[in-house]
Amino acid sequence: RALGEVAAAYPAVRIRRTAVEGPTHKVLVHRAAAADLLVIGGGGHHGYFGLPFGRVAHTALCHAACPVAVVPQRDQGAPAA
Protein backbone atom coordinates (compact mmCIF):
# COMPACT_ATOMS: atom_id res chain seq x y z
CA ARG A 1 0.00 0.00 0.00
CA ALA A 2 2.85 2.41 0.83
CA LEU A 3 4.29 2.09 -2.67
CA GLY A 4 0.99 2.24 -4.56
CA GLU A 5 1.16 5.81 -5.84
CA VAL A 6 4.87 5.68 -6.63
CA ALA A 7 4.60 2.32 -8.41
CA ALA A 8 1.75 3.65 -10.55
CA ALA A 9 3.69 6.80 -11.43
CA TYR A 10 6.83 4.84 -12.44
CA PRO A 11 5.67 1.57 -14.02
CA ALA A 12 9.08 0.87 -15.57
CA VAL A 13 10.69 0.57 -12.12
CA ARG A 14 10.62 -3.04 -10.95
CA ILE A 15 9.49 -3.51 -7.36
CA ARG A 16 9.74 -6.92 -5.76
CA ARG A 17 7.76 -7.50 -2.58
CA THR A 18 8.80 -10.42 -0.37
CA ALA A 19 7.82 -11.52 3.12
CA VAL A 20 10.81 -12.90 5.04
CA GLU A 21 11.12 -13.93 8.68
CA GLY A 22 14.04 -12.96 10.87
CA PRO A 23 15.64 -9.93 12.51
CA THR A 24 14.99 -6.99 10.18
CA HIS A 25 18.52 -5.62 10.18
CA LYS A 26 20.04 -9.02 9.35
CA VAL A 27 17.47 -9.92 6.69
CA LEU A 28 17.89 -6.60 4.88
CA VAL A 29 21.68 -6.80 4.84
CA HIS A 30 21.50 -10.36 3.51
CA ARG A 31 18.93 -9.45 0.81
CA ALA A 32 20.88 -6.31 -0.17
CA ALA A 33 23.63 -8.52 -1.60
CA ALA A 34 21.41 -9.08 -4.66
CA ALA A 35 19.92 -5.58 -4.84
CA ASP A 36 20.79 -2.47 -6.82
CA LEU A 37 19.43 -0.18 -4.10
CA LEU A 38 18.06 -0.67 -0.59
CA VAL A 39 15.47 1.90 0.47
CA ILE A 40 14.64 2.14 4.18
CA GLY A 41 12.14 4.36 5.94
CA GLY A 42 13.84 6.60 8.49
CA GLY A 43 11.14 6.43 11.15
CA GLY A 44 13.04 4.18 13.56
CA HIS A 45 14.26 4.75 17.07
CA HIS A 46 16.19 7.99 16.78
CA GLY A 47 19.41 8.27 18.66
CA TYR A 48 20.70 4.69 18.29
CA PHE A 49 24.34 5.11 19.29
CA GLY A 50 23.87 8.86 18.97
CA LEU A 51 22.90 8.69 15.30
CA PRO A 52 19.80 10.37 13.84
CA PHE A 53 18.23 7.07 12.72
CA GLY A 54 17.52 3.62 14.11
CA ARG A 55 19.31 0.31 14.36
CA VAL A 56 18.05 -1.08 11.03
CA ALA A 57 19.20 1.94 9.02
CA HIS A 58 22.52 2.08 10.86
CA THR A 59 23.23 -1.60 10.21
CA ALA A 60 22.24 -1.31 6.54
CA LEU A 61 24.40 1.76 6.00
CA CYS A 62 27.40 0.01 7.53
CA HIS A 63 27.01 -3.49 6.09
CA ALA A 64 24.84 -3.57 2.95
CA ALA A 65 26.59 -4.53 -0.27
CA CYS A 66 24.57 -2.01 -2.30
CA PRO A 67 23.77 1.70 -1.96
CA VAL A 68 21.29 2.51 0.83
CA ALA A 69 18.75 5.34 0.83
CA VAL A 70 17.28 6.28 4.21
CA VAL A 71 14.06 8.18 3.51
CA PRO A 72 12.49 10.09 6.40
CA GLN A 73 8.84 9.48 7.02
CA ARG A 74 6.66 12.50 6.45
CA ASP A 75 4.42 13.70 9.24
CA GLN A 76 0.90 12.30 9.28
CA GLY A 77 -1.32 14.83 7.57
CA ALA A 78 1.55 16.59 5.82
CA PRO A 79 1.04 17.05 2.07
CA ALA A 80 3.10 14.86 -0.24
CA ALA A 81 5.92 16.57 -2.08
PDB file of N, CA and C in Angstrom:
ATOM      1  N   ARG A   1       0.830  -1.191   0.000  1.00  0.00           N
ATOM      2  CA  ARG A   1       0.000   0.000   0.000  1.00  0.00           C
ATOM      3  C   ARG A   1       0.876   1.258   0.000  1.00  0.00           C
ATOM      4  N   ALA A   2       1.986   1.234   0.736  1.00  0.00           N
ATOM      5  CA  ALA A   2       2.848   2.409   0.834  1.00  0.00           C
ATOM      6  C   ALA A   2       3.459   2.791  -0.508  1.00  0.00           C
ATOM      7  N   LEU A   3       3.657   1.828  -1.382  1.00  0.00           N
ATOM      8  CA  LEU A   3       4.286   2.093  -2.673  1.00  0.00           C
ATOM      9  C   LEU A   3       3.288   2.284  -3.808  1.00  0.00           C
ATOM     10  N   GLY A   4       2.008   2.203  -3.519  1.00  0.00           N
ATOM     11  CA  GLY A   4       0.987   2.239  -4.561  1.00  0.00           C
ATOM     12  C   GLY A   4       1.088   3.407  -5.511  1.00  0.00           C
ATOM     13  N   GLU A   5       1.109   4.627  -4.990  1.00  0.00           N
ATOM     14  CA  GLU A   5       1.164   5.815  -5.845  1.00  0.00           C
ATOM     15  C   GLU A   5       2.465   5.888  -6.630  1.00  0.00           C
ATOM     16  N   VAL A   6       3.566   5.595  -5.968  1.00  0.00           N
ATOM     17  CA  VAL A   6       4.868   5.681  -6.633  1.00  0.00           C
ATOM     18  C   VAL A   6       4.982   4.615  -7.715  1.00  0.00           C
ATOM     19  N   ALA A   7       4.539   3.402  -7.417  1.00  0.00           N
ATOM     20  CA  ALA A   7       4.597   2.317  -8.409  1.00  0.00           C
ATOM     21  C   ALA A   7       3.754   2.650  -9.629  1.00  0.00           C
ATOM     22  N   ALA A   8       2.600   3.265  -9.429  1.00  0.00           N
ATOM     23  CA  ALA A   8       1.748   3.649 -10.546  1.00  0.00           C
ATOM     24  C   ALA A   8       2.374   4.762 -11.382  1.00  0.00           C
ATOM     25  N   ALA A   9       3.068   5.673 -10.731  1.00  0.00           N
ATOM     26  CA  ALA A   9       3.689   6.797 -11.434  1.00  0.00           C
ATOM     27  C   ALA A   9       4.934   6.379 -12.223  1.00  0.00           C
ATOM     28  N   TYR A  10       5.606   5.299 -11.790  1.00  0.00           N
ATOM     29  CA  TYR A  10       6.832   4.842 -12.438  1.00  0.00           C
ATOM     30  C   TYR A  10       6.727   3.354 -12.765  1.00  0.00           C
ATOM     31  N   PRO A  11       5.900   2.991 -13.724  1.00  0.00           N
ATOM     32  CA  PRO A  11       5.666   1.569 -14.015  1.00  0.00           C
ATOM     33  C   PRO A  11       6.896   0.833 -14.540  1.00  0.00           C
ATOM     34  N   ALA A  12       7.881   1.541 -15.050  1.00  0.00           N
ATOM     35  CA  ALA A  12       9.078   0.874 -15.566  1.00  0.00           C
ATOM     36  C   ALA A  12      10.026   0.429 -14.454  1.00  0.00           C
ATOM     37  N   VAL A  13       9.833   0.945 -13.239  1.00  0.00           N
ATOM     38  CA  VAL A  13      10.691   0.572 -12.116  1.00  0.00           C
ATOM     39  C   VAL A  13      10.170  -0.733 -11.528  1.00  0.00           C
ATOM     40  N   ARG A  14      11.022  -1.728 -11.467  1.00  0.00           N
ATOM     41  CA  ARG A  14      10.622  -3.037 -10.951  1.00  0.00           C
ATOM     42  C   ARG A  14      10.667  -3.033  -9.424  1.00  0.00           C
ATOM     43  N   ILE A  15       9.575  -3.410  -8.821  1.00  0.00           N
ATOM     44  CA  ILE A  15       9.491  -3.509  -7.362  1.00  0.00           C
ATOM     45  C   ILE A  15       9.176  -4.956  -7.029  1.00  0.00           C
ATOM     46  N   ARG A  16       9.977  -5.541  -6.174  1.00  0.00           N
ATOM     47  CA  ARG A  16       9.740  -6.923  -5.763  1.00  0.00           C
ATOM     48  C   ARG A  16       9.406  -6.931  -4.282  1.00  0.00           C
ATOM     49  N   ARG A  17       8.221  -7.423  -3.964  1.00  0.00           N
ATOM     50  CA  ARG A  17       7.762  -7.496  -2.581  1.00  0.00           C
ATOM     51  C   ARG A  17       7.926  -8.923  -2.097  1.00  0.00           C
ATOM     52  N   THR A  18       8.552  -9.101  -0.924  1.00  0.00           N
ATOM     53  CA  THR A  18       8.805 -10.420  -0.374  1.00  0.00           C
ATOM     54  C   THR A  18       8.605 -10.377   1.133  1.00  0.00           C
ATOM     55  N   ALA A  19       7.960 -11.395   1.672  1.00  0.00           N
ATOM     56  CA  ALA A  19       7.819 -11.518   3.123  1.00  0.00           C
ATOM     57  C   ALA A  19       8.873 -12.514   3.613  1.00  0.00           C
ATOM     58  N   VAL A  20       9.715 -12.076   4.537  1.00  0.00           N
ATOM     59  CA  VAL A  20      10.807 -12.902   5.039  1.00  0.00           C
ATOM     60  C   VAL A  20      10.809 -12.816   6.559  1.00  0.00           C
ATOM     61  N   GLU A  21      11.044 -13.930   7.217  1.00  0.00           N
ATOM     62  CA  GLU A  21      11.116 -13.928   8.675  1.00  0.00           C
ATOM     63  C   GLU A  21      12.557 -13.780   9.138  1.00  0.00           C
ATOM     64  N   GLY A  22      12.724 -13.103  10.266  1.00  0.00           N
ATOM     65  CA  GLY A  22      14.036 -12.957  10.872  1.00  0.00           C
ATOM     66  C   GLY A  22      14.228 -11.538  11.353  1.00  0.00           C
ATOM     67  N   PRO A  23      15.348 -11.286  12.048  1.00  0.00           N
ATOM     68  CA  PRO A  23      15.643  -9.928  12.506  1.00  0.00           C
ATOM     69  C   PRO A  23      15.777  -8.983  11.308  1.00  0.00           C
ATOM     70  N   THR A  24      15.054  -7.901  11.330  1.00  0.00           N
ATOM     71  CA  THR A  24      14.987  -6.992  10.180  1.00  0.00           C
ATOM     72  C   THR A  24      16.358  -6.561   9.695  1.00  0.00           C
ATOM     73  N   HIS A  25      17.215  -6.129  10.604  1.00  0.00           N
ATOM     74  CA  HIS A  25      18.520  -5.617  10.180  1.00  0.00           C
ATOM     75  C   HIS A  25      19.355  -6.706   9.503  1.00  0.00           C
ATOM     76  N   LYS A  26      19.278  -7.939   9.963  1.00  0.00           N
ATOM     77  CA  LYS A  26      20.044  -9.021   9.348  1.00  0.00           C
ATOM     78  C   LYS A  26      19.446  -9.441   8.001  1.00  0.00           C
ATOM     79  N   VAL A  27      18.128  -9.532   7.927  1.00  0.00           N
ATOM     80  CA  VAL A  27      17.469  -9.919   6.687  1.00  0.00           C
ATOM     81  C   VAL A  27      17.758  -8.908   5.579  1.00  0.00           C
ATOM     82  N   LEU A  28      17.654  -7.618   5.896  1.00  0.00           N
ATOM     83  CA  LEU A  28      17.887  -6.597   4.876  1.00  0.00           C
ATOM     84  C   LEU A  28      19.327  -6.598   4.379  1.00  0.00           C
ATOM     85  N   VAL A  29      20.282  -6.753   5.266  1.00  0.00           N
ATOM     86  CA  VAL A  29      21.685  -6.796   4.839  1.00  0.00           C
ATOM     87  C   VAL A  29      21.922  -8.019   3.947  1.00  0.00           C
ATOM     88  N   HIS A  30      21.348  -9.145   4.318  1.00  0.00           N
ATOM     89  CA  HIS A  30      21.496 -10.359   3.508  1.00  0.00           C
ATOM     90  C   HIS A  30      20.867 -10.171   2.123  1.00  0.00           C
ATOM     91  N   ARG A  31      19.644  -9.643   2.073  1.00  0.00           N
ATOM     92  CA  ARG A  31      18.932  -9.451   0.811  1.00  0.00           C
ATOM     93  C   ARG A  31      19.564  -8.357  -0.047  1.00  0.00           C
ATOM     94  N   ALA A  32      20.243  -7.402   0.576  1.00  0.00           N
ATOM     95  CA  ALA A  32      20.876  -6.307  -0.167  1.00  0.00           C
ATOM     96  C   ALA A  32      22.013  -6.796  -1.059  1.00  0.00           C
ATOM     97  N   ALA A  33      22.535  -7.979  -0.784  1.00  0.00           N
ATOM     98  CA  ALA A  33      23.629  -8.517  -1.596  1.00  0.00           C
ATOM     99  C   ALA A  33      23.202  -8.699  -3.053  1.00  0.00           C
ATOM    100  N   ALA A  34      21.900  -8.888  -3.293  1.00  0.00           N
ATOM    101  CA  ALA A  34      21.410  -9.083  -4.659  1.00  0.00           C
ATOM    102  C   ALA A  34      20.625  -7.880  -5.170  1.00  0.00           C
ATOM    103  N   ALA A  35      20.710  -6.756  -4.475  1.00  0.00           N
ATOM    104  CA  ALA A  35      19.915  -5.575  -4.844  1.00  0.00           C
ATOM    105  C   ALA A  35      20.778  -4.495  -5.483  1.00  0.00           C
ATOM    106  N   ASP A  36      20.126  -3.638  -6.255  1.00  0.00           N
ATOM    107  CA  ASP A  36      20.794  -2.467  -6.820  1.00  0.00           C
ATOM    108  C   ASP A  36      20.710  -1.289  -5.858  1.00  0.00           C
ATOM    109  N   LEU A  37      19.658  -1.270  -5.056  1.00  0.00           N
ATOM    110  CA  LEU A  37      19.432  -0.183  -4.102  1.00  0.00           C
ATOM    111  C   LEU A  37      18.541  -0.690  -2.981  1.00  0.00           C
ATOM    112  N   LEU A  38      18.872  -0.350  -1.753  1.00  0.00           N
ATOM    113  CA  LEU A  38      18.057  -0.673  -0.587  1.00  0.00           C
ATOM    114  C   LEU A  38      17.475   0.629  -0.060  1.00  0.00           C
ATOM    115  N   VAL A  39      16.146   0.708  -0.016  1.00  0.00           N
ATOM    116  CA  VAL A  39      15.471   1.903   0.473  1.00  0.00           C
ATOM    117  C   VAL A  39      14.822   1.568   1.802  1.00  0.00           C
ATOM    118  N   ILE A  40      15.139   2.367   2.832  1.00  0.00           N
ATOM    119  CA  ILE A  40      14.640   2.136   4.184  1.00  0.00           C
ATOM    120  C   ILE A  40      13.955   3.399   4.671  1.00  0.00           C
ATOM    121  N   GLY A  41      12.801   3.229   5.296  1.00  0.00           N
ATOM    122  CA  GLY A  41      12.136   4.357   5.940  1.00  0.00           C
ATOM    123  C   GLY A  41      12.926   4.783   7.167  1.00  0.00           C
ATOM    124  N   GLY A  42      13.046   6.081   7.379  1.00  0.00           N
ATOM    125  CA  GLY A  42      13.837   6.603   8.492  1.00  0.00           C
ATOM    126  C   GLY A  42      13.031   6.901   9.734  1.00  0.00           C
ATOM    127  N   GLY A  43      11.979   6.143   9.993  1.00  0.00           N
ATOM    128  CA  GLY A  43      11.136   6.430  11.147  1.00  0.00           C
ATOM    129  C   GLY A  43      11.448   5.574  12.350  1.00  0.00           C
ATOM    130  N   GLY A  44      12.674   5.072  12.469  1.00  0.00           N
ATOM    131  CA  GLY A  44      13.035   4.176  13.563  1.00  0.00           C
ATOM    132  C   GLY A  44      13.282   4.901  14.863  1.00  0.00           C
ATOM    133  N   HIS A  45      13.936   4.194  15.756  1.00  0.00           N
ATOM    134  CA  HIS A  45      14.260   4.753  17.070  1.00  0.00           C
ATOM    135  C   HIS A  45      15.426   5.715  16.928  1.00  0.00           C
ATOM    136  N   HIS A  46      15.136   6.985  16.959  1.00  0.00           N
ATOM    137  CA  HIS A  46      16.188   7.987  16.778  1.00  0.00           C
ATOM    138  C   HIS A  46      17.157   7.956  17.941  1.00  0.00           C
ATOM    139  N   GLY A  47      18.408   8.184  17.625  1.00  0.00           N
ATOM    140  CA  GLY A  47      19.414   8.270  18.661  1.00  0.00           C
ATOM    141  C   GLY A  47      20.134   6.970  18.932  1.00  0.00           C
ATOM    142  N   TYR A  48      19.965   5.934  18.103  1.00  0.00           N
ATOM    143  CA  TYR A  48      20.701   4.689  18.290  1.00  0.00           C
ATOM    144  C   TYR A  48      22.179   4.994  18.165  1.00  0.00           C
ATOM    145  N   PHE A  49      22.908   4.783  19.216  1.00  0.00           N
ATOM    146  CA  PHE A  49      24.339   5.107  19.291  1.00  0.00           C
ATOM    147  C   PHE A  49      24.622   6.559  18.918  1.00  0.00           C
ATOM    148  N   GLY A  50      23.673   7.444  19.225  1.00  0.00           N
ATOM    149  CA  GLY A  50      23.865   8.862  18.972  1.00  0.00           C
ATOM    150  C   GLY A  50      23.630   9.278  17.532  1.00  0.00           C
ATOM    151  N   LEU A  51      23.134   8.366  16.695  1.00  0.00           N
ATOM    152  CA  LEU A  51      22.898   8.688  15.297  1.00  0.00           C
ATOM    153  C   LEU A  51      21.444   9.109  15.099  1.00  0.00           C
ATOM    154  N   PRO A  52      21.157   9.855  14.048  1.00  0.00           N
ATOM    155  CA  PRO A  52      19.803  10.373  13.838  1.00  0.00           C
ATOM    156  C   PRO A  52      18.822   9.381  13.226  1.00  0.00           C
ATOM    157  N   PHE A  53      19.142   8.087  13.236  1.00  0.00           N
ATOM    158  CA  PHE A  53      18.227   7.072  12.715  1.00  0.00           C
ATOM    159  C   PHE A  53      18.373   5.808  13.542  1.00  0.00           C
ATOM    160  N   GLY A  54      17.566   4.810  13.273  1.00  0.00           N
ATOM    161  CA  GLY A  54      17.516   3.619  14.108  1.00  0.00           C
ATOM    162  C   GLY A  54      18.521   2.541  13.752  1.00  0.00           C
ATOM    163  N   ARG A  55      18.387   1.428  14.482  1.00  0.00           N
ATOM    164  CA  ARG A  55      19.313   0.306  14.363  1.00  0.00           C
ATOM    165  C   ARG A  55      19.317  -0.297  12.960  1.00  0.00           C
ATOM    166  N   VAL A  56      18.139  -0.456  12.361  1.00  0.00           N
ATOM    167  CA  VAL A  56      18.054  -1.077  11.033  1.00  0.00           C
ATOM    168  C   VAL A  56      18.792  -0.236   9.996  1.00  0.00           C
ATOM    169  N   ALA A  57      18.528   1.064   9.976  1.00  0.00           N
ATOM    170  CA  ALA A  57      19.205   1.942   9.017  1.00  0.00           C
ATOM    171  C   ALA A  57      20.709   1.983   9.274  1.00  0.00           C
ATOM    172  N   HIS A  58      21.092   2.043  10.515  1.00  0.00           N
ATOM    173  CA  HIS A  58      22.519   2.081  10.861  1.00  0.00           C
ATOM    174  C   HIS A  58      23.223   0.819  10.367  1.00  0.00           C
ATOM    175  N   THR A  59      22.629  -0.342  10.637  1.00  0.00           N
ATOM    176  CA  THR A  59      23.229  -1.603  10.215  1.00  0.00           C
ATOM    177  C   THR A  59      23.306  -1.681   8.689  1.00  0.00           C
ATOM    178  N   ALA A  60      22.236  -1.280   8.000  1.00  0.00           N
ATOM    179  CA  ALA A  60      22.237  -1.314   6.544  1.00  0.00           C
ATOM    180  C   ALA A  60      23.303  -0.394   5.964  1.00  0.00           C
ATOM    181  N   LEU A  61      23.400   0.806   6.498  1.00  0.00           N
ATOM    182  CA  LEU A  61      24.398   1.760   5.998  1.00  0.00           C
ATOM    183  C   LEU A  61      25.821   1.235   6.177  1.00  0.00           C
ATOM    184  N   CYS A  62      26.050   0.507   7.246  1.00  0.00           N
ATOM    185  CA  CYS A  62      27.405   0.007   7.531  1.00  0.00           C
ATOM    186  C   CYS A  62      27.730  -1.311   6.830  1.00  0.00           C
ATOM    187  N   HIS A  63      26.718  -2.126   6.541  1.00  0.00           N
ATOM    188  CA  HIS A  63      27.008  -3.486   6.094  1.00  0.00           C
ATOM    189  C   HIS A  63      26.388  -3.914   4.770  1.00  0.00           C
ATOM    190  N   ALA A  64      25.469  -3.151   4.202  1.00  0.00           N
ATOM    191  CA  ALA A  64      24.835  -3.570   2.948  1.00  0.00           C
ATOM    192  C   ALA A  64      25.834  -3.516   1.795  1.00  0.00           C
ATOM    193  N   ALA A  65      25.684  -4.456   0.880  1.00  0.00           N
ATOM    194  CA  ALA A  65      26.585  -4.534  -0.266  1.00  0.00           C
ATOM    195  C   ALA A  65      26.147  -3.648  -1.429  1.00  0.00           C
ATOM    196  N   CYS A  66      25.067  -2.903  -1.260  1.00  0.00           N
ATOM    197  CA  CYS A  66      24.573  -2.010  -2.300  1.00  0.00           C
ATOM    198  C   CYS A  66      24.339  -0.631  -1.686  1.00  0.00           C
ATOM    199  N   PRO A  67      24.100   0.378  -2.507  1.00  0.00           N
ATOM    200  CA  PRO A  67      23.774   1.699  -1.962  1.00  0.00           C
ATOM    201  C   PRO A  67      22.494   1.627  -1.119  1.00  0.00           C
ATOM    202  N   VAL A  68      22.444   2.465  -0.078  1.00  0.00           N
ATOM    203  CA  VAL A  68      21.294   2.508   0.832  1.00  0.00           C
ATOM    204  C   VAL A  68      20.745   3.933   0.852  1.00  0.00           C
ATOM    205  N   ALA A  69      19.429   4.054   0.701  1.00  0.00           N
ATOM    206  CA  ALA A  69      18.745   5.342   0.825  1.00  0.00           C
ATOM    207  C   ALA A  69      17.860   5.282   2.062  1.00  0.00           C
ATOM    208  N   VAL A  70      18.118   6.177   3.021  1.00  0.00           N
ATOM    209  CA  VAL A  70      17.280   6.277   4.211  1.00  0.00           C
ATOM    210  C   VAL A  70      16.345   7.453   3.988  1.00  0.00           C
ATOM    211  N   VAL A  71      15.055   7.163   3.847  1.00  0.00           N
ATOM    212  CA  VAL A  71      14.062   8.179   3.510  1.00  0.00           C
ATOM    213  C   VAL A  71      13.243   8.498   4.752  1.00  0.00           C
ATOM    214  N   PRO A  72      13.268   9.747   5.200  1.00  0.00           N
ATOM    215  CA  PRO A  72      12.493  10.093   6.397  1.00  0.00           C
ATOM    216  C   PRO A  72      10.994   9.960   6.128  1.00  0.00           C
ATOM    217  N   GLN A  73      10.270   9.543   7.146  1.00  0.00           N
ATOM    218  CA  GLN A  73       8.836   9.477   7.016  1.00  0.00           C
ATOM    219  C   GLN A  73       8.278  10.884   7.153  1.00  0.00           C
ATOM    220  N   ARG A  74       7.276  11.194   6.328  1.00  0.00           N
ATOM    221  CA  ARG A  74       6.663  12.499   6.446  1.00  0.00           C
ATOM    222  C   ARG A  74       5.660  12.450   7.611  1.00  0.00           C
ATOM    223  N   ASP A  75       5.380  13.598   8.160  1.00  0.00           N
ATOM    224  CA  ASP A  75       4.416  13.700   9.244  1.00  0.00           C
ATOM    225  C   ASP A  75       3.038  13.298   8.746  1.00  0.00           C
ATOM    226  N   GLN A  76       2.270  12.650   9.629  1.00  0.00           N
ATOM    227  CA  GLN A  76       0.895  12.305   9.278  1.00  0.00           C
ATOM    228  C   GLN A  76       0.147  13.609   8.991  1.00  0.00           C
ATOM    229  N   GLY A  77      -0.554  13.648   7.911  1.00  0.00           N
ATOM    230  CA  GLY A  77      -1.321  14.830   7.569  1.00  0.00           C
ATOM    231  C   GLY A  77      -0.547  15.839   6.751  1.00  0.00           C
ATOM    232  N   ALA A  78       0.765  15.655   6.619  1.00  0.00           N
ATOM    233  CA  ALA A  78       1.555  16.592   5.820  1.00  0.00           C
ATOM    234  C   ALA A  78       1.326  16.285   4.345  1.00  0.00           C
ATOM    235  N   PRO A  79       1.247  17.291   3.504  1.00  0.00           N
ATOM    236  CA  PRO A  79       1.038  17.055   2.074  1.00  0.00           C
ATOM    237  C   PRO A  79       2.239  16.378   1.449  1.00  0.00           C
ATOM    238  N   ALA A  80       2.007  15.523   0.479  1.00  0.00           N
ATOM    239  CA  ALA A  80       3.096  14.860  -0.239  1.00  0.00           C
ATOM    240  C   ALA A  80       3.815  15.874  -1.107  1.00  0.00           C
ATOM    241  N   ALA A  81       5.112  15.665  -1.260  1.00  0.00           N
ATOM    242  CA  ALA A  81       5.918  16.571  -2.082  1.00  0.00           C
ATOM    243  C   ALA A  81       5.731  16.290  -3.546  1.00  0.00           C
TER     244      ALA A  81
END
